[in-house]
C-alpha atoms as a PDB file:
ATOM      1  CA  UNK A   1       7.376  14.479  -3.867  1.00  0.00           C
ATOM      2  CA  UNK A   2       5.148  16.750  -1.911  1.00  0.00           C
ATOM      3  CA  UNK A   3       6.803  18.282   1.479  1.00  0.00           C
ATOM      4  CA  UNK A   4       4.516  19.061   4.413  1.00  0.00           C
ATOM      5  CA  UNK A   5       4.833  20.764   7.520  1.00  0.00           C
ATOM      6  CA  UNK A   6       1.711  20.709  10.121  1.00  0.00           C
ATOM      7  CA  UNK A   7       1.035  20.045  13.526  1.00  0.00           C
ATOM      8  CA  UNK A   8      -1.020  18.491  15.835  1.00  0.00           C
ATOM      9  CA  UNK A   9      -5.190  18.679  15.067  1.00  0.00           C
ATOM     10  CA  UNK A  10      -3.807  20.155  11.499  1.00  0.00           C
ATOM     11  CA  UNK A  11      -4.040  18.243   8.124  1.00  0.00           C
ATOM     12  CA  UNK A  12      -4.058  17.419   4.270  1.00  0.00           C
ATOM     13  CA  UNK A  13      -6.436  17.164   1.318  1.00  0.00           C
ATOM     14  CA  UNK A  14      -5.815  14.030  -1.071  1.00  0.00           C
ATOM     15  CA  UNK A  15      -8.432  14.450  -3.820  1.00  0.00           C
ATOM     16  CA  UNK A  16     -11.622  15.164  -2.820  1.00  0.00           C
ATOM     17  CA  UNK A  17     -12.063  12.460  -0.555  1.00  0.00           C
ATOM     18  CA  UNK A  18      -9.284  11.824   1.636  1.00  0.00           C
ATOM     19  CA  UNK A  19      -8.370  13.855   4.717  1.00  0.00           C
ATOM     20  CA  UNK A  20      -4.740  12.995   6.815  1.00  0.00           C
ATOM     21  CA  UNK A  21      -5.096  14.873  10.171  1.00  0.00           C
ATOM     22  CA  UNK A  22      -2.175  14.519  12.208  1.00  0.00           C
ATOM     23  CA  UNK A  23      -4.201  13.381  15.864  1.00  0.00           C
ATOM     24  CA  UNK A  24      -0.405  13.433  17.567  1.00  0.00           C
ATOM     25  CA  UNK A  25       3.301  14.015  17.783  1.00  0.00           C
ATOM     26  CA  UNK A  26       5.354  12.471  20.312  1.00  0.00           C
ATOM     27  CA  UNK A  27       9.672  12.770  20.331  1.00  0.00           C
ATOM     28  CA  UNK A  28      10.164  10.430  16.649  1.00  0.00           C
ATOM     29  CA  UNK A  29       6.314   9.736  16.275  1.00  0.00           C
ATOM     30  CA  UNK A  30       3.868  11.078  14.430  1.00  0.00           C
ATOM     31  CA  UNK A  31      -0.386   9.237  14.501  1.00  0.00           C
ATOM     32  CA  UNK A  32      -2.214  10.364  11.382  1.00  0.00           C
ATOM     33  CA  UNK A  33      -5.901   9.558  11.140  1.00  0.00           C
ATOM     34  CA  UNK A  34      -7.031   9.197   7.526  1.00  0.00           C
ATOM     35  CA  UNK A  35     -10.776   9.254   6.304  1.00  0.00           C
ATOM     36  CA  UNK A  36     -11.137   7.752   2.580  1.00  0.00           C
ATOM     37  CA  UNK A  37     -14.434   6.300   0.873  1.00  0.00           C
ATOM     38  CA  UNK A  38     -14.745   2.279   1.525  1.00  0.00           C
ATOM     39  CA  UNK A  39     -13.312   1.856  -1.558  1.00  0.00           C
ATOM     40  CA  UNK A  40      -9.739   2.990  -1.017  1.00  0.00           C
ATOM     41  CA  UNK A  41      -7.748   1.320   0.956  1.00  0.00           C
ATOM     42  CA  UNK A  42      -5.110   1.795   3.011  1.00  0.00           C
ATOM     43  CA  UNK A  43      -2.584   0.050   4.588  1.00  0.00           C
ATOM     44  CA  UNK A  44       1.264   0.628   6.419  1.00  0.00           C
ATOM     45  CA  UNK A  45       3.769   0.203   3.628  1.00  0.00           C
ATOM     46  CA  UNK A  46       4.551  -3.119   5.394  1.00  0.00           C
ATOM     47  CA  UNK A  47       1.615  -4.817   4.775  1.00  0.00           C
ATOM     48  CA  UNK A  48       0.465  -2.868   1.440  1.00  0.00           C
ATOM     49  CA  UNK A  49       4.207  -5.098   0.427  1.00  0.00           C
ATOM     50  CA  UNK A  50       3.064  -8.118   1.816  1.00  0.00           C
ATOM     51  CA  UNK A  51      -0.717  -7.757   0.490  1.00  0.00           C
ATOM     52  CA  UNK A  52       0.810  -7.033  -3.222  1.00  0.00           C
ATOM     53  CA  UNK A  53       3.409 -10.474  -2.471  1.00  0.00           C
ATOM     54  CA  UNK A  54       0.115 -13.217  -1.606  1.00  0.00           C
ATOM     55  CA  UNK A  55      -1.581 -11.653  -4.831  1.00  0.00           C
ATOM     56  CA  UNK A  56       1.957 -12.069  -6.882  1.00  0.00           C
ATOM     57  CA  UNK A  57       2.410 -16.327  -5.381  1.00  0.00           C
ATOM     58  CA  UNK A  58      -1.189 -16.825  -5.798  1.00  0.00           C
ATOM     59  CA  UNK A  59      -1.280 -15.580  -9.262  1.00  0.00           C
ATOM     60  CA  UNK A  60       1.471 -17.016 -10.287  1.00  0.00           C
ATOM     61  CA  UNK A  61       0.231 -20.820  -8.508  1.00  0.00           C
ATOM     62  CA  UNK A  62      -2.868 -20.553  -9.922  1.00  0.00           C
ATOM     63  CA  UNK A  63      -1.177 -20.034 -13.324  1.00  0.00           C
ATOM     64  CA  UNK A  64       1.928 -21.207 -14.202  1.00  0.00           C
ATOM     65  CA  UNK A  65       4.438 -20.620 -17.021  1.00  0.00           C
ATOM     66  CA  UNK A  66       3.494 -21.948 -19.768  1.00  0.00           C
ATOM     67  CA  UNK A  67       6.487 -25.088 -22.069  1.00  0.00           C
ATOM     68  CA  UNK A  68       7.345 -21.667 -24.084  1.00  0.00           C
ATOM     69  CA  UNK A  69       7.647 -19.125 -20.960  1.00  0.00           C
ATOM     70  CA  UNK A  70       9.558 -22.055 -19.273  1.00  0.00           C
ATOM     71  CA  UNK A  71      12.708 -23.186 -21.117  1.00  0.00           C
ATOM     72  CA  UNK A  72      13.063 -25.658 -18.027  1.00  0.00           C
ATOM     73  CA  UNK A  73       9.345 -27.566 -18.646  1.00  0.00           C
ATOM     74  CA  UNK A  74      10.102 -29.075 -22.675  1.00  0.00           C
ATOM     75  CA  UNK A  75      13.529 -30.757 -21.648  1.00  0.00           C
ATOM     76  CA  UNK A  76      11.611 -33.183 -19.103  1.00  0.00           C
END
């Protein structure tokens, strides 16, 4: 993990086209502004994890395990 120190109105660049700007610092909270192309999604971690869970649940629902993958299915 790269750790950087930045102050208000300073930024970092990720790749060629993602910029993260320190918008505000208040106590122990930092507000970030993120500029990225539309084809790159930007989420808070908890939102990203919820999206991944939903995708997995949908994939599991759309593709139930076959009898070979699910031994209990053979018993029934």
